[in-house]
Amino acid sequence: MQKIWTENILVNWENISEKGQLSLHSLSLFLVRAAINHAEHLDFGFSTTSKERQSWVLFRLNIKINSLPKLNENIKVVTWPGKITGITASRGFEMYGSESGEKLCVTSSDWLVINLDTRKPQRLEKYFKSEFLNPDKIALEDIPAKFNYRGEFEELFKIKTFYTDLDMNGHVIAHNYFKWLQDAAAINHPGKTPSFIQMNYINECKRDENISIRICKDDGISYMGFNESSNKVAFTAGLVFD
C-alpha cells in the first residue's frame, strides 16, 4: 500500500482551454481523480464505503497555480491523505511537469463522509489511527486573499443541470463547478490565468435545477452559485490574479 500516490497524465486536446493551456475543470478533474484512485488503493474508496451506504464528498479545494501545462505535455500528480479533525479529512496534492520537474501547482482539500440516505456527515473515528495518514505533510497553508462571500452579488448567467452533469451519488460532479467558474471568470477577467483558486462546495446540486452564477460587486474576485430551485447557496469560489 502506498501512503503517497503518483499518477502520470498526458494533457490531451479535451483538457485544453482556448488559451492553449490546461483548463480549470480539467485541473480539478485530474486532482479529484487521483484522490479517488488513491482512496480505492487504500481500501477506503467508494467501493468500500458504499457497502455501508456512505461516500466521500469533497467540500473545499484551495489551489495555488504557478503554471499550467499545455497540449501534449506529460504531468505528474502526487497526492496523500493528511490529517483528520472531527468530521473533516484533509488531502494534499502537488502537480509537476514530468520532464521539467517544475512544480505547477499545490493544492489542499477537505473532505467529508456522508450517509447516502440521510446526506448527513458521518464521524471518522475508524480512520483516526490509519497508518496511511500523513498529518505532518502540509501541502498549502497560506490563503493569499480574503474573499467576500457576504457582499452584494450580481448575476452573470444561469445554468440548468441535466442528467449528464451527475455522478454516482446523484449530485453534480465536482469538476463541473470549475467549468461554471471558468466561464464566469472569462466574462470579468478575459484572457487571465488565476494564480490561486478557492472552491467551497456548500449544498449539492441535483438534476433539473437552476443555478444562478454570480460575482461579488464589491471585489470582483468572489463568486457564488445560487441554486434557485432549492433556494440555497450551492458553492462559493474565489480567484486571485497576479
C-alpha atoms as a PDB file:
ATOM      1  CA  MET A   1       0.000   0.000   0.000  1.00  0.00           C
ATOM      2  CA  GLN A   2       1.294   3.446  -0.962  1.00  0.00           C
ATOM      3  CA  LYS A   3       0.938   6.307   1.540  1.00  0.00           C
ATOM      4  CA  ILE A   4       1.751   8.776  -1.231  1.00  0.00           C
ATOM      5  CA  TRP A   5       0.176   8.215  -4.643  1.00  0.00           C
ATOM      6  CA  THR A   6       1.510   9.286  -8.047  1.00  0.00           C
ATOM      7  CA  GLU A   7      -0.285   9.425 -11.389  1.00  0.00           C
ATOM      8  CA  ASN A   8       1.288  10.265 -14.744  1.00  0.00           C
ATOM      9  CA  ILE A   9      -1.061  12.027 -17.150  1.00  0.00           C
ATOM     10  CA  LEU A  10      -0.829  13.212 -20.748  1.00  0.00           C
ATOM     11  CA  VAL A  11      -2.646  16.511 -21.314  1.00  0.00           C
ATOM     12  CA  ASN A  12      -4.960  15.900 -24.271  1.00  0.00           C
ATOM     13  CA  TRP A  13      -6.972  18.148 -26.593  1.00  0.00           C
ATOM     14  CA  GLU A  14     -10.135  17.913 -24.472  1.00  0.00           C
ATOM     15  CA  ASN A  15      -8.184  19.112 -21.422  1.00  0.00           C
ATOM     16  CA  ILE A  16      -7.119  22.407 -23.011  1.00  0.00           C
ATOM     17  CA  SER A  17      -8.802  25.808 -22.822  1.00  0.00           C
ATOM     18  CA  GLU A  18      -8.983  28.403 -25.584  1.00  0.00           C
ATOM     19  CA  LYS A  19      -5.675  29.804 -24.282  1.00  0.00           C
ATOM     20  CA  GLY A  20      -3.927  26.530 -25.148  1.00  0.00           C
ATOM     21  CA  GLN A  21      -3.292  25.514 -21.551  1.00  0.00           C
ATOM     22  CA  LEU A  22      -4.899  23.145 -19.069  1.00  0.00           C
ATOM     23  CA  SER A  23      -8.475  24.227 -18.322  1.00  0.00           C
ATOM     24  CA  LEU A  24      -9.562  24.762 -14.737  1.00  0.00           C
ATOM     25  CA  HIS A  25     -12.132  21.982 -14.878  1.00  0.00           C
ATOM     26  CA  SER A  26      -9.521  19.527 -16.206  1.00  0.00           C
ATOM     27  CA  LEU A  27      -7.153  20.642 -13.454  1.00  0.00           C
ATOM     28  CA  SER A  28      -9.779  19.849 -10.823  1.00  0.00           C
ATOM     29  CA  LEU A  29     -10.656  16.598 -12.610  1.00  0.00           C
ATOM     30  CA  PHE A  30      -7.038  15.384 -12.522  1.00  0.00           C
ATOM     31  CA  LEU A  31      -6.742  16.181  -8.812  1.00  0.00           C
ATOM     32  CA  VAL A  32     -10.014  14.583  -7.745  1.00  0.00           C
ATOM     33  CA  ARG A  33      -9.440  11.528  -9.944  1.00  0.00           C
ATOM     34  CA  ALA A  34      -6.057  10.936  -8.288  1.00  0.00           C
ATOM     35  CA  ALA A  35      -7.685  11.225  -4.849  1.00  0.00           C
ATOM     36  CA  ILE A  36     -10.398   8.730  -5.807  1.00  0.00           C
ATOM     37  CA  ASN A  37      -7.882   6.258  -7.213  1.00  0.00           C
ATOM     38  CA  HIS A  38      -5.678   6.529  -4.137  1.00  0.00           C
ATOM     39  CA  ALA A  39      -8.621   6.010  -1.778  1.00  0.00           C
ATOM     40  CA  GLU A  40      -9.574   2.878  -3.724  1.00  0.00           C
ATOM     41  CA  HIS A  41      -5.974   1.651  -3.488  1.00  0.00           C
ATOM     42  CA  LEU A  42      -6.037   2.163   0.302  1.00  0.00           C
ATOM     43  CA  ASP A  43      -9.368   0.307   0.541  1.00  0.00           C
ATOM     44  CA  PHE A  44     -11.418   3.232   1.805  1.00  0.00           C
ATOM     45  CA  GLY A  45     -12.777   4.447  -1.525  1.00  0.00           C
ATOM     46  CA  PHE A  46     -16.336   4.287  -2.827  1.00  0.00           C
ATOM     47  CA  SER A  47     -16.161   0.532  -3.450  1.00  0.00           C
ATOM     48  CA  THR A  48     -15.723   0.061   0.296  1.00  0.00           C
ATOM     49  CA  THR A  49     -17.722   2.943   1.795  1.00  0.00           C
ATOM     50  CA  SER A  50     -20.762   2.309  -0.424  1.00  0.00           C
ATOM     51  CA  LYS A  51     -21.250  -1.067   1.275  1.00  0.00           C
ATOM     52  CA  GLU A  52     -22.155   0.941   4.385  1.00  0.00           C
ATOM     53  CA  ARG A  53     -24.234   3.439   2.367  1.00  0.00           C
ATOM     54  CA  GLN A  54     -21.526   6.062   2.767  1.00  0.00           C
ATOM     55  CA  SER A  55     -19.422   8.126   0.381  1.00  0.00           C
ATOM     56  CA  TRP A  56     -16.572  10.629   0.472  1.00  0.00           C
ATOM     57  CA  VAL A  57     -17.644  14.137  -0.547  1.00  0.00           C
ATOM     58  CA  LEU A  58     -15.296  16.982  -1.420  1.00  0.00           C
ATOM     59  CA  PHE A  59     -16.217  20.303   0.171  1.00  0.00           C
ATOM     60  CA  ARG A  60     -13.178  22.562  -0.327  1.00  0.00           C
ATOM     61  CA  LEU A  61     -10.242  22.977  -2.712  1.00  0.00           C
ATOM     62  CA  ASN A  62      -7.507  25.613  -2.405  1.00  0.00           C
ATOM     63  CA  ILE A  63      -5.242  25.599  -5.466  1.00  0.00           C
ATOM     64  CA  LYS A  64      -2.066  27.652  -5.873  1.00  0.00           C
ATOM     65  CA  ILE A  65      -1.102  27.800  -9.549  1.00  0.00           C
ATOM     66  CA  ASN A  66       2.459  28.507 -10.620  1.00  0.00           C
ATOM     67  CA  SER A  67       1.975  27.470 -14.238  1.00  0.00           C
ATOM     68  CA  LEU A  68      -0.473  25.430 -16.300  1.00  0.00           C
ATOM     69  CA  PRO A  69       0.706  22.721 -18.721  1.00  0.00           C
ATOM     70  CA  LYS A  70      -0.004  22.862 -22.432  1.00  0.00           C
ATOM     71  CA  LEU A  71      -1.223  20.400 -25.042  1.00  0.00           C
ATOM     72  CA  ASN A  72       0.638  17.060 -25.157  1.00  0.00           C
ATOM     73  CA  GLU A  73       2.668  17.791 -22.029  1.00  0.00           C
ATOM     74  CA  ASN A  74       3.157  14.977 -19.551  1.00  0.00           C
ATOM     75  CA  ILE A  75       2.416  15.839 -15.954  1.00  0.00           C
ATOM     76  CA  LYS A  76       2.684  14.058 -12.623  1.00  0.00           C
ATOM     77  CA  VAL A  77       0.056  14.373  -9.882  1.00  0.00           C
ATOM     78  CA  VAL A  78       1.146  13.435  -6.359  1.00  0.00           C
ATOM     79  CA  THR A  79      -1.426  13.112  -3.561  1.00  0.00           C
ATOM     80  CA  TRP A  80      -1.638  11.944   0.035  1.00  0.00           C
ATOM     81  CA  PRO A  81      -4.196  11.829   2.876  1.00  0.00           C
ATOM     82  CA  GLY A  82      -3.274  14.371   5.536  1.00  0.00           C
ATOM     83  CA  LYS A  83      -4.875  14.658   8.952  1.00  0.00           C
ATOM     84  CA  ILE A  84      -8.368  14.064  10.303  1.00  0.00           C
ATOM     85  CA  THR A  85     -10.038  16.658  12.516  1.00  0.00           C
ATOM     86  CA  GLY A  86     -13.518  15.827  13.784  1.00  0.00           C
ATOM     87  CA  ILE A  87     -15.618  15.015  10.717  1.00  0.00           C
ATOM     88  CA  THR A  88     -13.129  16.546   8.261  1.00  0.00           C
ATOM     89  CA  ALA A  89     -10.317  14.762   6.421  1.00  0.00           C
ATOM     90  CA  SER A  90      -7.636  16.711   4.573  1.00  0.00           C
ATOM     91  CA  ARG A  91      -5.729  15.667   1.459  1.00  0.00           C
ATOM     92  CA  GLY A  92      -2.792  17.355  -0.249  1.00  0.00           C
ATOM     93  CA  PHE A  93      -1.702  17.458  -3.876  1.00  0.00           C
ATOM     94  CA  GLU A  94       1.253  18.571  -5.948  1.00  0.00           C
ATOM     95  CA  MET A  95       1.403  18.685  -9.733  1.00  0.00           C
ATOM     96  CA  TYR A  96       4.692  18.619 -11.653  1.00  0.00           C
ATOM     97  CA  GLY A  97       5.846  18.793 -15.233  1.00  0.00           C
ATOM     98  CA  SER A  98       7.163  15.283 -15.878  1.00  0.00           C
ATOM     99  CA  GLU A  99      10.106  16.394 -17.997  1.00  0.00           C
ATOM    100  CA  SER A 100      10.945  19.771 -16.460  1.00  0.00           C
ATOM    101  CA  GLY A 101      10.277  18.776 -12.855  1.00  0.00           C
ATOM    102  CA  GLU A 102       8.650  22.193 -12.377  1.00  0.00           C
ATOM    103  CA  LYS A 103       6.070  22.349  -9.602  1.00  0.00           C
ATOM    104  CA  LEU A 104       2.991  23.519 -11.488  1.00  0.00           C
ATOM    105  CA  CYS A 105       0.519  23.738  -8.626  1.00  0.00           C
ATOM    106  CA  VAL A 106      -0.001  22.909  -4.959  1.00  0.00           C
ATOM    107  CA  THR A 107      -3.416  22.074  -3.543  1.00  0.00           C
ATOM    108  CA  SER A 108      -5.077  21.455  -0.205  1.00  0.00           C
ATOM    109  CA  SER A 109      -8.501  19.855   0.060  1.00  0.00           C
ATOM    110  CA  ASP A 110     -11.061  18.940   2.706  1.00  0.00           C
ATOM    111  CA  TRP A 111     -13.481  16.026   2.577  1.00  0.00           C
ATOM    112  CA  LEU A 112     -16.450  14.602   4.460  1.00  0.00           C
ATOM    113  CA  VAL A 113     -18.004  11.160   4.570  1.00  0.00           C
ATOM    114  CA  ILE A 114     -21.778  11.381   4.182  1.00  0.00           C
ATOM    115  CA  ASN A 115     -24.553   8.858   4.604  1.00  0.00           C
ATOM    116  CA  LEU A 116     -26.045   8.321   1.146  1.00  0.00           C
ATOM    117  CA  ASP A 117     -29.587   8.109   2.506  1.00  0.00           C
ATOM    118  CA  THR A 118     -29.653  10.980   5.010  1.00  0.00           C
ATOM    119  CA  ARG A 119     -26.918  13.029   3.222  1.00  0.00           C
ATOM    120  CA  LYS A 120     -25.541  13.888   6.673  1.00  0.00           C
ATOM    121  CA  PRO A 121     -21.810  13.875   7.585  1.00  0.00           C
ATOM    122  CA  GLN A 122     -20.511  10.850   9.465  1.00  0.00           C
ATOM    123  CA  ARG A 123     -17.857  10.619  12.142  1.00  0.00           C
ATOM    124  CA  LEU A 124     -14.428   9.369  11.067  1.00  0.00           C
ATOM    125  CA  GLU A 125     -13.155   7.540  14.161  1.00  0.00           C
ATOM    126  CA  LYS A 126     -12.273   4.401  12.222  1.00  0.00           C
ATOM    127  CA  TYR A 127      -9.763   6.380  10.147  1.00  0.00           C
ATOM    128  CA  PHE A 128      -8.084   8.263  13.027  1.00  0.00           C
ATOM    129  CA  LYS A 129      -5.300   5.723  13.523  1.00  0.00           C
ATOM    130  CA  SER A 130      -4.792   4.800   9.890  1.00  0.00           C
ATOM    131  CA  GLU A 131      -1.148   4.108   9.107  1.00  0.00           C
ATOM    132  CA  PHE A 132      -1.645   5.786   5.733  1.00  0.00           C
ATOM    133  CA  LEU A 133      -2.268   9.302   7.072  1.00  0.00           C
ATOM    134  CA  ASN A 134       0.435  11.954   6.639  1.00  0.00           C
ATOM    135  CA  PRO A 135      -0.569  14.547   9.273  1.00  0.00           C
ATOM    136  CA  ASP A 136       2.744  16.420   9.154  1.00  0.00           C
ATOM    137  CA  LYS A 137       2.893  16.768   5.359  1.00  0.00           C
ATOM    138  CA  ILE A 138       1.149  20.090   4.674  1.00  0.00           C
ATOM    139  CA  ALA A 139       0.501  20.971   1.044  1.00  0.00           C
ATOM    140  CA  LEU A 140      -0.715  24.553   1.340  1.00  0.00           C
ATOM    141  CA  GLU A 141      -1.198  26.736   4.392  1.00  0.00           C
ATOM    142  CA  ASP A 142      -1.476  30.358   3.259  1.00  0.00           C
ATOM    143  CA  ILE A 143      -4.557  31.783   1.547  1.00  0.00           C
ATOM    144  CA  PRO A 144      -3.423  34.863  -0.431  1.00  0.00           C
ATOM    145  CA  ALA A 145      -6.711  36.775  -0.273  1.00  0.00           C
ATOM    146  CA  LYS A 146      -9.786  37.226   1.881  1.00  0.00           C
ATOM    147  CA  PHE A 147     -12.798  36.616  -0.301  1.00  0.00           C
ATOM    148  CA  ASN A 148     -16.075  38.432   0.262  1.00  0.00           C
ATOM    149  CA  TYR A 149     -18.818  35.821   0.212  1.00  0.00           C
ATOM    150  CA  ARG A 150     -21.238  38.030   2.160  1.00  0.00           C
ATOM    151  CA  GLY A 151     -21.118  41.065  -0.112  1.00  0.00           C
ATOM    152  CA  GLU A 152     -23.546  42.219  -2.785  1.00  0.00           C
ATOM    153  CA  PHE A 153     -23.659  39.873  -5.772  1.00  0.00           C
ATOM    154  CA  GLU A 154     -24.919  40.332  -9.307  1.00  0.00           C
ATOM    155  CA  GLU A 155     -25.838  37.605 -11.776  1.00  0.00           C
ATOM    156  CA  LEU A 156     -23.569  36.778 -14.703  1.00  0.00           C
ATOM    157  CA  PHE A 157     -25.546  33.882 -16.216  1.00  0.00           C
ATOM    158  CA  LYS A 158     -27.760  30.903 -15.386  1.00  0.00           C
ATOM    159  CA  ILE A 159     -27.099  27.161 -15.619  1.00  0.00           C
ATOM    160  CA  LYS A 160     -29.621  24.323 -15.764  1.00  0.00           C
ATOM    161  CA  THR A 161     -28.390  20.946 -14.565  1.00  0.00           C
ATOM    162  CA  PHE A 162     -29.064  17.808 -16.593  1.00  0.00           C
ATOM    163  CA  TYR A 163     -28.601  14.057 -16.295  1.00  0.00           C
ATOM    164  CA  THR A 164     -25.071  14.128 -17.723  1.00  0.00           C
ATOM    165  CA  ASP A 165     -23.942  16.568 -15.012  1.00  0.00           C
ATOM    166  CA  LEU A 166     -24.444  13.968 -12.276  1.00  0.00           C
ATOM    167  CA  ASP A 167     -22.099  11.483 -10.642  1.00  0.00           C
ATOM    168  CA  MET A 168     -22.973   8.159  -8.984  1.00  0.00           C
ATOM    169  CA  ASN A 169     -24.051   9.962  -5.816  1.00  0.00           C
ATOM    170  CA  GLY A 170     -26.792  11.742  -7.751  1.00  0.00           C
ATOM    171  CA  HIS A 171     -25.340  15.240  -7.494  1.00  0.00           C
ATOM    172  CA  VAL A 172     -23.441  17.447  -9.940  1.00  0.00           C
ATOM    173  CA  ILE A 173     -19.879  16.187 -10.356  1.00  0.00           C
ATOM    174  CA  ALA A 174     -17.197  18.341  -8.747  1.00  0.00           C
ATOM    175  CA  HIS A 175     -15.312  19.485 -11.842  1.00  0.00           C
ATOM    176  CA  ASN A 176     -18.462  20.931 -13.452  1.00  0.00           C
ATOM    177  CA  TYR A 177     -18.397  23.707 -10.857  1.00  0.00           C
ATOM    178  CA  PHE A 178     -14.989  24.667 -12.235  1.00  0.00           C
ATOM    179  CA  LYS A 179     -16.493  24.908 -15.721  1.00  0.00           C
ATOM    180  CA  TRP A 180     -19.016  27.403 -14.378  1.00  0.00           C
ATOM    181  CA  LEU A 181     -16.280  29.296 -12.541  1.00  0.00           C
ATOM    182  CA  GLN A 182     -14.025  29.490 -15.594  1.00  0.00           C
ATOM    183  CA  ASP A 183     -16.934  30.741 -17.721  1.00  0.00           C
ATOM    184  CA  ALA A 184     -17.648  33.397 -15.094  1.00  0.00           C
ATOM    185  CA  ALA A 185     -14.002  34.468 -14.918  1.00  0.00           C
ATOM    186  CA  ALA A 186     -13.862  34.762 -18.713  1.00  0.00           C
ATOM    187  CA  ILE A 187     -16.540  37.464 -18.503  1.00  0.00           C
ATOM    188  CA  ASN A 188     -14.849  39.674 -15.908  1.00  0.00           C
ATOM    189  CA  HIS A 189     -11.198  38.689 -16.348  1.00  0.00           C
ATOM    190  CA  PRO A 190     -10.868  37.682 -20.021  1.00  0.00           C
ATOM    191  CA  GLY A 191      -7.567  36.142 -21.031  1.00  0.00           C
ATOM    192  CA  LYS A 192      -6.221  35.984 -17.476  1.00  0.00           C
ATOM    193  CA  THR A 193      -4.969  32.886 -15.663  1.00  0.00           C
ATOM    194  CA  PRO A 194      -5.568  32.822 -11.902  1.00  0.00           C
ATOM    195  CA  SER A 195      -2.665  32.250  -9.540  1.00  0.00           C
ATOM    196  CA  PHE A 196      -4.997  30.980  -6.827  1.00  0.00           C
ATOM    197  CA  ILE A 197      -8.424  29.326  -6.734  1.00  0.00           C
ATOM    198  CA  GLN A 198     -10.675  28.568  -3.803  1.00  0.00           C
ATOM    199  CA  MET A 199     -13.761  26.404  -4.325  1.00  0.00           C
ATOM    200  CA  ASN A 200     -16.218  25.724  -1.493  1.00  0.00           C
ATOM    201  CA  TYR A 201     -18.907  23.122  -2.170  1.00  0.00           C
ATOM    202  CA  ILE A 202     -21.738  24.086   0.188  1.00  0.00           C
ATOM    203  CA  ASN A 203     -25.025  22.479  -0.889  1.00  0.00           C
ATOM    204  CA  GLU A 204     -25.269  19.794  -3.533  1.00  0.00           C
ATOM    205  CA  CYS A 205     -26.900  20.451  -6.894  1.00  0.00           C
ATOM    206  CA  LYS A 206     -29.146  17.794  -8.370  1.00  0.00           C
ATOM    207  CA  ARG A 207     -30.788  17.145 -11.728  1.00  0.00           C
ATOM    208  CA  ASP A 208     -33.114  19.729 -13.319  1.00  0.00           C
ATOM    209  CA  GLU A 209     -32.113  22.586 -11.044  1.00  0.00           C
ATOM    210  CA  ASN A 210     -31.440  26.207 -11.988  1.00  0.00           C
ATOM    211  CA  ILE A 211     -28.165  27.702 -10.785  1.00  0.00           C
ATOM    212  CA  SER A 212     -27.511  31.444 -10.871  1.00  0.00           C
ATOM    213  CA  ILE A 213     -23.788  32.193 -11.289  1.00  0.00           C
ATOM    214  CA  ARG A 214     -22.953  35.479  -9.585  1.00  0.00           C
ATOM    215  CA  ILE A 215     -19.983  37.753  -8.879  1.00  0.00           C
ATOM    216  CA  CYS A 216     -19.415  39.992  -5.881  1.00  0.00           C
ATOM    217  CA  LYS A 217     -19.775  43.628  -6.928  1.00  0.00           C
ATOM    218  CA  ASP A 218     -17.501  44.735  -4.074  1.00  0.00           C
ATOM    219  CA  ASP A 219     -14.286  42.922  -5.023  1.00  0.00           C
ATOM    220  CA  GLY A 220     -14.807  41.339  -8.472  1.00  0.00           C
ATOM    221  CA  ILE A 221     -12.995  38.121  -7.482  1.00  0.00           C
ATOM    222  CA  SER A 222     -15.550  36.376  -5.254  1.00  0.00           C
ATOM    223  CA  TYR A 223     -18.160  34.192  -6.923  1.00  0.00           C
ATOM    224  CA  MET A 224     -21.297  32.343  -5.908  1.00  0.00           C
ATOM    225  CA  GLY A 225     -23.543  29.713  -7.403  1.00  0.00           C
ATOM    226  CA  PHE A 226     -27.049  30.180  -6.039  1.00  0.00           C
ATOM    227  CA  ASN A 227     -29.448  27.280  -6.510  1.00  0.00           C
ATOM    228  CA  GLU A 228     -32.754  28.930  -7.347  1.00  0.00           C
ATOM    229  CA  SER A 229     -34.554  25.582  -7.236  1.00  0.00           C
ATOM    230  CA  SER A 230     -33.609  24.828  -3.620  1.00  0.00           C
ATOM    231  CA  ASN A 231     -33.124  28.486  -2.600  1.00  0.00           C
ATOM    232  CA  LYS A 232     -29.673  27.650  -1.214  1.00  0.00           C
ATOM    233  CA  VAL A 233     -26.092  28.665  -1.968  1.00  0.00           C
ATOM    234  CA  ALA A 234     -24.573  25.797  -3.955  1.00  0.00           C
ATOM    235  CA  PHE A 235     -20.964  26.996  -3.900  1.00  0.00           C
ATOM    236  CA  THR A 236     -18.705  29.955  -3.290  1.00  0.00           C
ATOM    237  CA  ALA A 237     -15.395  30.472  -5.053  1.00  0.00           C
ATOM    238  CA  GLY A 238     -12.579  32.978  -5.195  1.00  0.00           C
ATOM    239  CA  LEU A 239      -9.896  33.790  -7.749  1.00  0.00           C
ATOM    240  CA  VAL A 240      -6.644  35.715  -7.403  1.00  0.00           C
ATOM    241  CA  PHE A 241      -4.930  37.199 -10.452  1.00  0.00           C
ATOM    242  CA  ASP A 242      -1.336  38.419 -10.254  1.00  0.00           C
END
